[in-house]
Amino acid sequence: MKRIGLKTDIGIGYDYDVEEKFRDLEIFYDVEKIDITYAWIFPHGDHASISSSYFPRFGQKGEESRKTIEKFFKDKGIELKDVKKRAAPMNIAYNYFKRRNVYI
């Protein structure tokens, strides 16, 4: 990203692999309950991916963010504490780059 002049930042995305069926994709955005991020439930047949992220640049901390998301879903009747978790860095571009009327 830096080679083409875009400003980037790193966030951390994390995912819970839940062995439970969900019918619909659900997206949650609630600043009062889950801070400045969002969370989602993405159904995959007989299981689902429940995911969110955090951004150290904005003062968010991983352990705190994870506990907040786990409480948010526990309040909805979904227990995540003992579920398999994965995490990975996310490269976030805050600007766009225009070349020949195409925005990247």
C-alpha atoms as a PDB file:
ATOM      1  CA  MET A   1       0.000   0.000   0.000  1.00  0.00           C
ATOM      2  CA  LYS A   2       2.803   2.409   0.777  1.00  0.00           C
ATOM      3  CA  ARG A   3       4.242   2.012  -2.720  1.00  0.00           C
ATOM      4  CA  ILE A   4       1.234   3.768  -4.214  1.00  0.00           C
ATOM      5  CA  GLY A   5       1.083   6.437  -1.536  1.00  0.00           C
ATOM      6  CA  LEU A   6      -1.852   5.312   0.626  1.00  0.00           C
ATOM      7  CA  LYS A   7      -1.809   5.924   4.367  1.00  0.00           C
ATOM      8  CA  THR A   8      -2.356   2.632   6.176  1.00  0.00           C
ATOM      9  CA  ASP A   9      -2.834   1.379   9.700  1.00  0.00           C
ATOM     10  CA  ILE A  10      -3.035  -2.025  11.335  1.00  0.00           C
ATOM     11  CA  GLY A  11      -6.049  -3.422  13.141  1.00  0.00           C
ATOM     12  CA  ILE A  12      -6.502  -6.913  14.521  1.00  0.00           C
ATOM     13  CA  GLY A  13      -9.406  -9.023  13.329  1.00  0.00           C
ATOM     14  CA  TYR A  14     -10.469 -11.997  15.394  1.00  0.00           C
ATOM     15  CA  ASP A  15     -12.900 -14.793  14.790  1.00  0.00           C
ATOM     16  CA  TYR A  16     -14.754 -17.413  16.809  1.00  0.00           C
ATOM     17  CA  ASP A  17     -15.706 -20.648  15.021  1.00  0.00           C
ATOM     18  CA  VAL A  18     -19.076 -21.525  16.561  1.00  0.00           C
ATOM     19  CA  GLU A  19     -20.562 -24.994  16.021  1.00  0.00           C
ATOM     20  CA  GLU A  20     -24.106 -23.694  15.904  1.00  0.00           C
ATOM     21  CA  LYS A  21     -26.490 -22.973  13.036  1.00  0.00           C
ATOM     22  CA  PHE A  22     -27.528 -19.404  12.280  1.00  0.00           C
ATOM     23  CA  ARG A  23     -29.922 -18.610   9.476  1.00  0.00           C
ATOM     24  CA  ASP A  24     -29.003 -15.020   8.634  1.00  0.00           C
ATOM     25  CA  LEU A  25     -25.956 -12.799   8.431  1.00  0.00           C
ATOM     26  CA  GLU A  26     -26.134 -10.377  11.359  1.00  0.00           C
ATOM     27  CA  ILE A  27     -24.072  -7.203  11.760  1.00  0.00           C
ATOM     28  CA  PHE A  28     -23.888  -5.337  15.075  1.00  0.00           C
ATOM     29  CA  TYR A  29     -22.739  -1.755  15.597  1.00  0.00           C
ATOM     30  CA  ASP A  30     -23.289  -0.377  19.085  1.00  0.00           C
ATOM     31  CA  VAL A  31     -20.795   2.233  20.320  1.00  0.00           C
ATOM     32  CA  GLU A  32     -22.092   2.016  23.889  1.00  0.00           C
ATOM     33  CA  LYS A  33     -21.694  -1.769  24.128  1.00  0.00           C
ATOM     34  CA  ILE A  34     -18.845  -2.708  21.767  1.00  0.00           C
ATOM     35  CA  ASP A  35     -16.859   0.517  21.370  1.00  0.00           C
ATOM     36  CA  ILE A  36     -15.986   1.944  17.941  1.00  0.00           C
ATOM     37  CA  THR A  37     -15.896  -1.369  16.131  1.00  0.00           C
ATOM     38  CA  TYR A  38     -18.585  -3.713  14.877  1.00  0.00           C
ATOM     39  CA  ALA A  39     -19.226  -7.439  15.085  1.00  0.00           C
ATOM     40  CA  TRP A  40     -20.983  -9.945  12.892  1.00  0.00           C
ATOM     41  CA  ILE A  41     -22.323 -13.467  12.702  1.00  0.00           C
ATOM     42  CA  PHE A  42     -21.630 -15.100   9.346  1.00  0.00           C
ATOM     43  CA  PRO A  43     -23.456 -18.432   8.868  1.00  0.00           C
ATOM     44  CA  HIS A  44     -21.617 -21.333   7.169  1.00  0.00           C
ATOM     45  CA  GLY A  45     -24.195 -24.127   7.079  1.00  0.00           C
ATOM     46  CA  ASP A  46     -23.759 -26.155  10.284  1.00  0.00           C
ATOM     47  CA  HIS A  47     -21.463 -23.594  11.960  1.00  0.00           C
ATOM     48  CA  ALA A  48     -20.873 -19.843  12.023  1.00  0.00           C
ATOM     49  CA  SER A  49     -18.085 -17.314  12.186  1.00  0.00           C
ATOM     50  CA  ILE A  50     -18.566 -14.671  14.875  1.00  0.00           C
ATOM     51  CA  SER A  51     -16.020 -11.935  14.355  1.00  0.00           C
ATOM     52  CA  SER A  52     -14.916  -8.466  15.356  1.00  0.00           C
ATOM     53  CA  SER A  53     -11.768  -6.357  15.461  1.00  0.00           C
ATOM     54  CA  TYR A  54      -9.861  -3.794  17.466  1.00  0.00           C
ATOM     55  CA  PHE A  55      -7.547  -0.935  16.608  1.00  0.00           C
ATOM     56  CA  PRO A  56      -4.562  -0.173  18.876  1.00  0.00           C
ATOM     57  CA  ARG A  57      -4.231   3.249  17.221  1.00  0.00           C
ATOM     58  CA  PHE A  58      -7.492   4.278  18.885  1.00  0.00           C
ATOM     59  CA  GLY A  59      -6.466   3.024  22.314  1.00  0.00           C
ATOM     60  CA  GLN A  60      -8.269  -0.295  22.081  1.00  0.00           C
ATOM     61  CA  LYS A  61      -6.578  -3.267  23.748  1.00  0.00           C
ATOM     62  CA  GLY A  62      -6.932  -6.859  22.582  1.00  0.00           C
ATOM     63  CA  GLU A  63      -7.834  -8.555  25.858  1.00  0.00           C
ATOM     64  CA  GLU A  64     -10.302  -5.801  26.777  1.00  0.00           C
ATOM     65  CA  SER A  65     -11.883  -5.890  23.321  1.00  0.00           C
ATOM     66  CA  ARG A  66     -12.198  -9.688  23.394  1.00  0.00           C
ATOM     67  CA  LYS A  67     -13.918  -9.605  26.799  1.00  0.00           C
ATOM     68  CA  THR A  68     -16.290  -6.860  25.608  1.00  0.00           C
ATOM     69  CA  ILE A  69     -17.316  -8.883  22.535  1.00  0.00           C
ATOM     70  CA  GLU A  70     -17.706 -12.077  24.554  1.00  0.00           C
ATOM     71  CA  LYS A  71     -19.981 -10.258  27.037  1.00  0.00           C
ATOM     72  CA  PHE A  72     -21.950  -8.644  24.189  1.00  0.00           C
ATOM     73  CA  PHE A  73     -22.720 -12.051  22.656  1.00  0.00           C
ATOM     74  CA  LYS A  74     -23.270 -13.748  26.036  1.00  0.00           C
ATOM     75  CA  ASP A  75     -26.003 -11.151  26.681  1.00  0.00           C
ATOM     76  CA  LYS A  76     -27.538 -12.388  23.399  1.00  0.00           C
ATOM     77  CA  GLY A  77     -27.387 -16.017  24.583  1.00  0.00           C
ATOM     78  CA  ILE A  78     -24.217 -17.004  22.686  1.00  0.00           C
ATOM     79  CA  GLU A  79     -21.316 -18.249  24.822  1.00  0.00           C
ATOM     80  CA  LEU A  80     -17.890 -17.630  23.220  1.00  0.00           C
ATOM     81  CA  LYS A  81     -15.503 -18.074  26.156  1.00  0.00           C
ATOM     82  CA  ASP A  82     -14.476 -21.679  25.342  1.00  0.00           C
ATOM     83  CA  VAL A  83     -14.862 -21.450  21.541  1.00  0.00           C
ATOM     84  CA  LYS A  84     -11.911 -21.845  19.151  1.00  0.00           C
ATOM     85  CA  LYS A  85     -10.496 -18.389  18.341  1.00  0.00           C
ATOM     86  CA  ARG A  86      -8.311 -17.057  15.516  1.00  0.00           C
ATOM     87  CA  ALA A  87      -6.764 -13.639  14.967  1.00  0.00           C
ATOM     88  CA  ALA A  88      -4.876 -11.890  12.183  1.00  0.00           C
ATOM     89  CA  PRO A  89      -3.599  -8.386  11.406  1.00  0.00           C
ATOM     90  CA  MET A  90      -5.684  -6.250   9.038  1.00  0.00           C
ATOM     91  CA  ASN A  91      -4.113  -3.569   6.879  1.00  0.00           C
ATOM     92  CA  ILE A  92      -6.514  -0.629   6.780  1.00  0.00           C
ATOM     93  CA  ALA A  93      -6.254   2.147   4.172  1.00  0.00           C
ATOM     94  CA  TYR A  94      -7.793   5.447   5.266  1.00  0.00           C
ATOM     95  CA  ASN A  95      -7.330   7.276   1.980  1.00  0.00           C
ATOM     96  CA  TYR A  96      -8.029   6.427  -1.594  1.00  0.00           C
ATOM     97  CA  PHE A  97      -5.864   6.666  -4.656  1.00  0.00           C
ATOM     98  CA  LYS A  98      -7.341   7.832  -7.967  1.00  0.00           C
ATOM     99  CA  ARG A  99      -5.767   6.753 -11.225  1.00  0.00           C
ATOM    100  CA  ARG A 100      -7.527   7.153 -14.582  1.00  0.00           C
ATOM    101  CA  ASN A 101     -10.916   7.612 -12.853  1.00  0.00           C
ATOM    102  CA  VAL A 102     -10.503   4.367 -10.885  1.00  0.00           C
ATOM    103  CA  TYR A 103     -10.513   4.513  -7.111  1.00  0.00           C
ATOM    104  CA  ILE A 104      -8.405   1.982  -5.242  1.00  0.00           C
END
